[in-house]
Amino acid sequence: MSITDRELCREAIRRTLRQRAGDSPDTPAIARATSETWLLMSAQLTPVIGGNGVDAILNRSLHLTSAAFPWLTSSDEQMDHESLPVRISIRLAGRDPVAAAQASSSLLITFIELLAILIGNSLTRRLLAPIWAVEPQMVEQEKTV
């Protein structure tokens, strides 16, 4: 993913989470926004890469993100595809809003970057464009105006 694509993607994720969490988000709102976004992403991607593919990328994203946010995971947990998003939501809801927002956006950004490595930037963009509050192309246009 090029630097421009990466920045546009990150901004789209942040805007989407802010919009879904509301004007003054508390940690439950951030956790809910993350969960809603994740469910939409999963629904878009499962027909293309399968449920196991989505789970594998989420698990890898969680592993990578937990380097900066170790409280996102617990080494003794066995998580299946249904419990993983719920447990992530619970962990986000148990933190202060700033940490929850940072961890949430970091996890989703990592997921999308890994997905782009697997299926390519163009397909990633096309599959996930309906999810973002503002599509990456629109963000780019705003920056040039």
N, C-alpha and C. Protein backbone atom coordinates (compact mmCIF):
# COMPACT_ATOMS: atom_id res chain seq x y z
N MET A 1 0.86 -1.17 0.00
CA MET A 1 0.00 0.00 0.00
C MET A 1 0.91 1.23 0.00
N SER A 2 0.68 2.13 -0.93
CA SER A 2 1.51 3.33 -1.01
C SER A 2 1.24 4.24 0.18
N ILE A 3 2.15 5.18 0.41
CA ILE A 3 2.01 6.12 1.53
C ILE A 3 0.69 6.88 1.41
N THR A 4 0.36 7.37 0.22
CA THR A 4 -0.88 8.12 0.03
C THR A 4 -2.09 7.25 0.34
N ASP A 5 -2.12 6.04 -0.21
CA ASP A 5 -3.23 5.12 0.07
C ASP A 5 -3.34 4.83 1.56
N ARG A 6 -2.20 4.61 2.19
CA ARG A 6 -2.19 4.29 3.61
C ARG A 6 -2.76 5.44 4.44
N GLU A 7 -2.35 6.65 4.13
CA GLU A 7 -2.86 7.81 4.88
C GLU A 7 -4.35 8.03 4.63
N LEU A 8 -4.78 7.86 3.39
CA LEU A 8 -6.21 8.01 3.08
C LEU A 8 -7.03 6.96 3.80
N CYS A 9 -6.52 5.76 3.84
CA CYS A 9 -7.20 4.66 4.52
C CYS A 9 -7.29 4.95 6.03
N ARG A 10 -6.20 5.38 6.62
CA ARG A 10 -6.19 5.69 8.05
C ARG A 10 -7.19 6.79 8.37
N GLU A 11 -7.23 7.82 7.54
CA GLU A 11 -8.15 8.93 7.79
C GLU A 11 -9.61 8.47 7.64
N ALA A 12 -9.88 7.62 6.66
CA ALA A 12 -11.24 7.11 6.47
C ALA A 12 -11.68 6.30 7.69
N ILE A 13 -10.80 5.50 8.23
CA ILE A 13 -11.11 4.69 9.41
C ILE A 13 -11.38 5.60 10.60
N ARG A 14 -10.52 6.57 10.82
CA ARG A 14 -10.71 7.48 11.95
C ARG A 14 -12.03 8.24 11.84
N ARG A 15 -12.34 8.73 10.65
CA ARG A 15 -13.60 9.46 10.45
C ARG A 15 -14.80 8.56 10.70
N THR A 16 -14.73 7.36 10.20
CA THR A 16 -15.83 6.41 10.37
C THR A 16 -16.06 6.10 11.84
N LEU A 17 -14.99 5.83 12.56
CA LEU A 17 -15.14 5.53 13.99
C LEU A 17 -15.67 6.74 14.75
N ARG A 18 -15.17 7.94 14.42
CA ARG A 18 -15.67 9.15 15.09
C ARG A 18 -17.16 9.34 14.81
N GLN A 19 -17.56 9.15 13.56
CA GLN A 19 -18.97 9.33 13.20
C GLN A 19 -19.85 8.31 13.93
N ARG A 20 -19.44 7.06 13.97
CA ARG A 20 -20.24 6.02 14.60
C ARG A 20 -20.25 6.14 16.13
N ALA A 21 -19.18 6.69 16.71
CA ALA A 21 -19.10 6.80 18.16
C ALA A 21 -19.83 8.03 18.69
N GLY A 22 -20.05 9.03 17.86
CA GLY A 22 -20.78 10.23 18.30
C GLY A 22 -19.85 11.38 18.65
N ASP A 23 -20.46 12.49 19.02
CA ASP A 23 -19.72 13.72 19.28
C ASP A 23 -18.78 13.65 20.48
N SER A 24 -19.24 13.13 21.59
CA SER A 24 -18.38 12.99 22.77
C SER A 24 -18.38 11.54 23.20
N PRO A 25 -17.58 10.74 22.52
CA PRO A 25 -17.65 9.31 22.75
C PRO A 25 -17.04 8.89 24.09
N ASP A 26 -17.75 8.00 24.74
CA ASP A 26 -17.19 7.33 25.90
C ASP A 26 -16.70 5.97 25.42
N THR A 27 -16.09 5.21 26.30
CA THR A 27 -15.53 3.94 25.85
C THR A 27 -16.57 2.94 25.34
N PRO A 28 -17.76 2.85 25.93
CA PRO A 28 -18.75 1.95 25.33
C PRO A 28 -19.13 2.36 23.90
N ALA A 29 -19.20 3.67 23.64
CA ALA A 29 -19.53 4.13 22.28
C ALA A 29 -18.40 3.79 21.31
N ILE A 30 -17.17 3.91 21.76
CA ILE A 30 -16.03 3.55 20.91
C ILE A 30 -16.03 2.05 20.63
N ALA A 31 -16.28 1.26 21.66
CA ALA A 31 -16.34 -0.20 21.48
C ALA A 31 -17.46 -0.58 20.53
N ARG A 32 -18.62 0.07 20.67
CA ARG A 32 -19.75 -0.20 19.78
C ARG A 32 -19.42 0.20 18.35
N ALA A 33 -18.79 1.35 18.16
CA ALA A 33 -18.42 1.81 16.81
C ALA A 33 -17.43 0.85 16.17
N THR A 34 -16.51 0.35 16.96
CA THR A 34 -15.53 -0.62 16.45
C THR A 34 -16.23 -1.90 16.05
N SER A 35 -17.12 -2.37 16.90
CA SER A 35 -17.85 -3.61 16.62
C SER A 35 -18.71 -3.48 15.37
N GLU A 36 -19.44 -2.36 15.24
CA GLU A 36 -20.27 -2.13 14.05
C GLU A 36 -19.42 -2.11 12.79
N THR A 37 -18.31 -1.40 12.86
CA THR A 37 -17.42 -1.31 11.69
C THR A 37 -16.87 -2.68 11.35
N TRP A 38 -16.46 -3.42 12.38
CA TRP A 38 -15.92 -4.75 12.15
C TRP A 38 -16.96 -5.67 11.50
N LEU A 39 -18.19 -5.64 11.99
CA LEU A 39 -19.24 -6.50 11.43
C LEU A 39 -19.48 -6.18 9.95
N LEU A 40 -19.47 -4.90 9.60
CA LEU A 40 -19.64 -4.51 8.20
C LEU A 40 -18.46 -4.98 7.35
N MET A 41 -17.25 -4.82 7.88
CA MET A 41 -16.07 -5.28 7.15
C MET A 41 -16.13 -6.79 6.93
N SER A 42 -16.46 -7.51 7.97
CA SER A 42 -16.52 -8.96 7.90
C SER A 42 -17.56 -9.41 6.87
N ALA A 43 -18.72 -8.74 6.87
CA ALA A 43 -19.77 -9.09 5.91
C ALA A 43 -19.32 -8.84 4.47
N GLN A 44 -18.55 -7.81 4.25
CA GLN A 44 -18.06 -7.50 2.89
C GLN A 44 -16.98 -8.49 2.45
N LEU A 45 -16.16 -8.92 3.40
CA LEU A 45 -14.98 -9.72 3.05
C LEU A 45 -15.21 -11.23 3.06
N THR A 46 -16.13 -11.71 3.87
CA THR A 46 -16.33 -13.16 3.99
C THR A 46 -16.65 -13.83 2.66
N PRO A 47 -17.50 -13.26 1.80
CA PRO A 47 -17.75 -13.92 0.51
C PRO A 47 -16.51 -14.01 -0.39
N VAL A 48 -15.55 -13.14 -0.15
CA VAL A 48 -14.36 -13.09 -1.02
C VAL A 48 -13.23 -13.96 -0.48
N ILE A 49 -12.92 -13.82 0.81
CA ILE A 49 -11.77 -14.56 1.36
C ILE A 49 -12.19 -15.62 2.39
N GLY A 50 -13.49 -15.74 2.64
CA GLY A 50 -13.99 -16.75 3.56
C GLY A 50 -13.88 -16.32 5.01
N GLY A 51 -14.68 -16.94 5.83
CA GLY A 51 -14.67 -16.63 7.26
C GLY A 51 -13.34 -16.93 7.92
N ASN A 52 -12.71 -18.04 7.52
CA ASN A 52 -11.41 -18.39 8.10
C ASN A 52 -10.34 -17.38 7.68
N GLY A 53 -10.44 -16.87 6.46
CA GLY A 53 -9.49 -15.85 6.01
C GLY A 53 -9.64 -14.56 6.79
N VAL A 54 -10.88 -14.15 7.00
CA VAL A 54 -11.15 -12.94 7.79
C VAL A 54 -10.63 -13.13 9.21
N ASP A 55 -10.91 -14.29 9.81
CA ASP A 55 -10.46 -14.57 11.17
C ASP A 55 -8.94 -14.57 11.27
N ALA A 56 -8.28 -15.15 10.28
CA ALA A 56 -6.82 -15.22 10.29
C ALA A 56 -6.21 -13.81 10.25
N ILE A 57 -6.76 -12.95 9.40
CA ILE A 57 -6.24 -11.59 9.30
C ILE A 57 -6.54 -10.82 10.59
N LEU A 58 -7.72 -11.02 11.17
CA LEU A 58 -8.05 -10.34 12.42
C LEU A 58 -7.12 -10.81 13.55
N ASN A 59 -6.88 -12.10 13.63
CA ASN A 59 -5.98 -12.61 14.67
C ASN A 59 -4.57 -12.07 14.51
N ARG A 60 -4.09 -12.01 13.27
CA ARG A 60 -2.76 -11.46 13.03
C ARG A 60 -2.73 -9.97 13.36
N SER A 61 -3.78 -9.25 12.99
CA SER A 61 -3.87 -7.81 13.29
C SER A 61 -3.87 -7.59 14.80
N LEU A 62 -4.61 -8.40 15.50
CA LEU A 62 -4.68 -8.29 16.95
C LEU A 62 -3.30 -8.57 17.57
N HIS A 63 -2.62 -9.57 17.06
CA HIS A 63 -1.28 -9.89 17.55
C HIS A 63 -0.34 -8.70 17.34
N LEU A 64 -0.35 -8.12 16.14
CA LEU A 64 0.53 -6.99 15.84
C LEU A 64 0.15 -5.75 16.65
N THR A 65 -1.12 -5.47 16.77
CA THR A 65 -1.59 -4.30 17.50
C THR A 65 -1.33 -4.42 18.99
N SER A 66 -1.35 -5.64 19.51
CA SER A 66 -1.14 -5.83 20.94
C SER A 66 0.28 -5.49 21.38
N ALA A 67 1.20 -5.31 20.44
CA ALA A 67 2.54 -4.84 20.81
C ALA A 67 2.46 -3.43 21.41
N ALA A 68 1.59 -2.60 20.85
CA ALA A 68 1.40 -1.24 21.36
C ALA A 68 0.31 -1.18 22.44
N PHE A 69 -0.63 -2.12 22.37
CA PHE A 69 -1.76 -2.14 23.31
C PHE A 69 -1.88 -3.56 23.89
N PRO A 70 -0.98 -3.93 24.81
CA PRO A 70 -0.96 -5.32 25.30
C PRO A 70 -2.24 -5.76 26.00
N TRP A 71 -3.02 -4.82 26.47
CA TRP A 71 -4.27 -5.16 27.15
C TRP A 71 -5.35 -5.66 26.18
N LEU A 72 -5.11 -5.57 24.87
CA LEU A 72 -6.10 -6.07 23.90
C LEU A 72 -6.20 -7.60 23.89
N THR A 73 -5.14 -8.27 24.32
CA THR A 73 -5.14 -9.74 24.26
C THR A 73 -4.74 -10.33 25.60
N SER A 74 -5.01 -11.60 25.72
CA SER A 74 -4.58 -12.37 26.87
C SER A 74 -4.07 -13.70 26.32
N SER A 75 -2.89 -14.07 26.72
CA SER A 75 -2.26 -15.27 26.15
C SER A 75 -2.99 -16.56 26.48
N ASP A 76 -3.78 -16.58 27.55
CA ASP A 76 -4.46 -17.81 27.94
C ASP A 76 -5.83 -17.98 27.30
N GLU A 77 -6.26 -17.02 26.47
CA GLU A 77 -7.58 -17.09 25.86
C GLU A 77 -7.57 -17.90 24.56
N GLN A 78 -8.57 -18.71 24.40
CA GLN A 78 -8.83 -19.39 23.14
C GLN A 78 -10.01 -18.66 22.51
N MET A 79 -9.80 -18.04 21.36
CA MET A 79 -10.87 -17.25 20.76
C MET A 79 -11.25 -17.82 19.40
N ASP A 80 -12.55 -17.99 19.21
CA ASP A 80 -13.05 -18.36 17.90
C ASP A 80 -13.57 -17.11 17.21
N HIS A 81 -14.04 -17.24 15.99
CA HIS A 81 -14.41 -16.05 15.21
C HIS A 81 -15.61 -15.30 15.79
N GLU A 82 -16.44 -15.98 16.55
CA GLU A 82 -17.60 -15.29 17.14
C GLU A 82 -17.23 -14.56 18.42
N SER A 83 -16.35 -15.12 19.22
CA SER A 83 -16.02 -14.49 20.50
C SER A 83 -14.95 -13.42 20.37
N LEU A 84 -14.11 -13.48 19.37
CA LEU A 84 -13.01 -12.52 19.25
C LEU A 84 -13.50 -11.07 19.16
N PRO A 85 -14.41 -10.72 18.26
CA PRO A 85 -14.88 -9.32 18.22
C PRO A 85 -15.55 -8.88 19.52
N VAL A 86 -16.27 -9.79 20.17
CA VAL A 86 -16.92 -9.46 21.44
C VAL A 86 -15.87 -9.17 22.51
N ARG A 87 -14.87 -9.99 22.58
CA ARG A 87 -13.81 -9.79 23.58
C ARG A 87 -13.03 -8.52 23.32
N ILE A 88 -12.80 -8.20 22.06
CA ILE A 88 -12.12 -6.95 21.72
C ILE A 88 -12.97 -5.77 22.19
N SER A 89 -14.27 -5.84 21.94
CA SER A 89 -15.19 -4.79 22.38
C SER A 89 -15.16 -4.61 23.89
N ILE A 90 -15.17 -5.71 24.60
CA ILE A 90 -15.14 -5.65 26.07
C ILE A 90 -13.84 -5.01 26.55
N ARG A 91 -12.74 -5.37 25.93
CA ARG A 91 -11.45 -4.80 26.33
C ARG A 91 -11.39 -3.31 26.02
N LEU A 92 -11.93 -2.90 24.88
CA LEU A 92 -11.97 -1.47 24.54
C LEU A 92 -12.84 -0.70 25.54
N ALA A 93 -13.98 -1.28 25.90
CA ALA A 93 -14.91 -0.61 26.81
C ALA A 93 -14.32 -0.45 28.21
N GLY A 94 -13.31 -1.23 28.54
CA GLY A 94 -12.70 -1.16 29.86
C GLY A 94 -11.55 -0.16 29.96
N ARG A 95 -11.30 0.60 28.92
CA ARG A 95 -10.19 1.56 28.90
C ARG A 95 -10.70 2.99 28.86
N ASP A 96 -9.76 3.93 29.02
CA ASP A 96 -10.16 5.32 28.88
C ASP A 96 -10.43 5.62 27.41
N PRO A 97 -11.23 6.63 27.09
CA PRO A 97 -11.64 6.88 25.71
C PRO A 97 -10.48 7.10 24.73
N VAL A 98 -9.44 7.78 25.15
CA VAL A 98 -8.31 8.05 24.25
C VAL A 98 -7.61 6.74 23.88
N ALA A 99 -7.31 5.92 24.88
CA ALA A 99 -6.64 4.64 24.63
C ALA A 99 -7.52 3.72 23.79
N ALA A 100 -8.81 3.69 24.08
CA ALA A 100 -9.73 2.85 23.32
C ALA A 100 -9.80 3.29 21.86
N ALA A 101 -9.87 4.59 21.64
CA ALA A 101 -9.93 5.10 20.26
C ALA A 101 -8.64 4.80 19.50
N GLN A 102 -7.50 4.98 20.16
CA GLN A 102 -6.22 4.69 19.51
C GLN A 102 -6.08 3.20 19.18
N ALA A 103 -6.43 2.36 20.12
CA ALA A 103 -6.33 0.91 19.90
C ALA A 103 -7.29 0.46 18.81
N SER A 104 -8.50 1.00 18.84
CA SER A 104 -9.51 0.64 17.84
C SER A 104 -9.05 0.99 16.44
N SER A 105 -8.64 2.23 16.24
CA SER A 105 -8.22 2.63 14.90
C SER A 105 -6.96 1.88 14.49
N SER A 106 -6.05 1.66 15.42
CA SER A 106 -4.82 0.92 15.10
C SER A 106 -5.13 -0.51 14.65
N LEU A 107 -6.05 -1.16 15.35
CA LEU A 107 -6.43 -2.53 14.99
C LEU A 107 -7.05 -2.58 13.60
N LEU A 108 -7.98 -1.70 13.31
CA LEU A 108 -8.63 -1.69 11.99
C LEU A 108 -7.66 -1.32 10.88
N ILE A 109 -6.77 -0.36 11.16
CA ILE A 109 -5.77 0.03 10.16
C ILE A 109 -4.85 -1.15 9.86
N THR A 110 -4.39 -1.82 10.89
CA THR A 110 -3.52 -2.99 10.70
C THR A 110 -4.23 -4.07 9.89
N PHE A 111 -5.49 -4.30 10.21
CA PHE A 111 -6.28 -5.29 9.49
C PHE A 111 -6.32 -4.95 7.99
N ILE A 112 -6.63 -3.71 7.69
CA ILE A 112 -6.78 -3.30 6.28
C ILE A 112 -5.44 -3.34 5.55
N GLU A 113 -4.37 -2.97 6.23
CA GLU A 113 -3.05 -3.04 5.59
C GLU A 113 -2.67 -4.48 5.29
N LEU A 114 -2.96 -5.40 6.20
CA LEU A 114 -2.69 -6.82 5.94
C LEU A 114 -3.57 -7.35 4.81
N LEU A 115 -4.82 -6.94 4.82
CA LEU A 115 -5.74 -7.35 3.76
C LEU A 115 -5.23 -6.87 2.39
N ALA A 116 -4.76 -5.64 2.33
CA ALA A 116 -4.25 -5.09 1.07
C ALA A 116 -3.04 -5.86 0.58
N ILE A 117 -2.21 -6.33 1.50
CA ILE A 117 -1.07 -7.16 1.10
C ILE A 117 -1.57 -8.46 0.48
N LEU A 118 -2.63 -9.01 1.04
CA LEU A 118 -3.16 -10.29 0.57
C LEU A 118 -3.92 -10.18 -0.76
N ILE A 119 -4.82 -9.22 -0.87
CA ILE A 119 -5.68 -9.16 -2.07
C ILE A 119 -5.44 -7.95 -2.96
N GLY A 120 -4.56 -7.05 -2.52
CA GLY A 120 -4.24 -5.88 -3.33
C GLY A 120 -5.02 -4.64 -2.89
N ASN A 121 -4.43 -3.48 -3.20
CA ASN A 121 -5.03 -2.20 -2.81
C ASN A 121 -6.37 -1.96 -3.49
N SER A 122 -6.43 -2.21 -4.77
CA SER A 122 -7.62 -1.90 -5.54
C SER A 122 -8.84 -2.70 -5.05
N LEU A 123 -8.66 -3.99 -4.88
CA LEU A 123 -9.77 -4.83 -4.42
C LEU A 123 -10.15 -4.48 -2.98
N THR A 124 -9.17 -4.22 -2.15
CA THR A 124 -9.44 -3.81 -0.77
C THR A 124 -10.29 -2.55 -0.76
N ARG A 125 -9.88 -1.58 -1.55
CA ARG A 125 -10.60 -0.30 -1.63
C ARG A 125 -12.04 -0.52 -2.10
N ARG A 126 -12.21 -1.32 -3.16
CA ARG A 126 -13.55 -1.55 -3.70
C ARG A 126 -14.45 -2.28 -2.72
N LEU A 127 -13.91 -3.27 -2.04
CA LEU A 127 -14.72 -4.06 -1.11
C LEU A 127 -15.14 -3.26 0.13
N LEU A 128 -14.25 -2.40 0.60
CA LEU A 128 -14.52 -1.71 1.86
C LEU A 128 -15.03 -0.28 1.70
N ALA A 129 -15.05 0.25 0.50
CA ALA A 129 -15.52 1.63 0.27
C ALA A 129 -16.91 1.90 0.85
N PRO A 130 -17.86 0.97 0.74
CA PRO A 130 -19.20 1.27 1.29
C PRO A 130 -19.23 1.45 2.81
N ILE A 131 -18.20 1.04 3.50
CA ILE A 131 -18.18 1.08 4.96
C ILE A 131 -17.76 2.44 5.50
N TRP A 132 -16.88 3.10 4.80
CA TRP A 132 -16.30 4.34 5.33
C TRP A 132 -17.28 5.50 5.28
N ALA A 133 -17.20 6.32 6.34
CA ALA A 133 -18.04 7.52 6.42
C ALA A 133 -17.74 8.45 5.25
N VAL A 134 -16.48 8.55 4.90
CA VAL A 134 -16.05 9.33 3.74
C VAL A 134 -15.07 8.44 3.00
N GLU A 135 -15.34 8.22 1.73
CA GLU A 135 -14.47 7.35 0.96
C GLU A 135 -13.10 8.00 0.78
N PRO A 136 -12.03 7.19 0.69
CA PRO A 136 -10.69 7.73 0.55
C PRO A 136 -10.53 8.72 -0.60
N GLN A 137 -11.21 8.48 -1.73
CA GLN A 137 -11.08 9.40 -2.86
C GLN A 137 -11.64 10.77 -2.48
N MET A 138 -12.71 10.81 -1.68
CA MET A 138 -13.30 12.07 -1.27
C MET A 138 -12.37 12.80 -0.31
N VAL A 139 -11.69 12.07 0.56
CA VAL A 139 -10.74 12.69 1.48
C VAL A 139 -9.62 13.33 0.68
N GLU A 140 -9.14 12.62 -0.35
CA GLU A 140 -8.07 13.16 -1.18
C GLU A 140 -8.51 14.43 -1.88
N GLN A 141 -9.74 14.48 -2.38
CA GLN A 141 -10.26 15.67 -3.04
C GLN A 141 -10.36 16.83 -2.06
N GLU A 142 -10.76 16.56 -0.82
CA GLU A 142 -10.86 17.61 0.19
C GLU A 142 -9.48 18.22 0.47
N LYS A 143 -8.44 17.40 0.46
CA LYS A 143 -7.09 17.88 0.75
C LYS A 143 -6.56 18.76 -0.37
N THR A 144 -7.02 18.52 -1.60
CA THR A 144 -6.52 19.30 -2.73
C THR A 144 -7.31 20.56 -2.98
N VAL A 145 -8.49 20.66 -2.37
CA VAL A 145 -9.33 21.86 -2.58
C VAL A 145 -8.89 22.99 -1.71
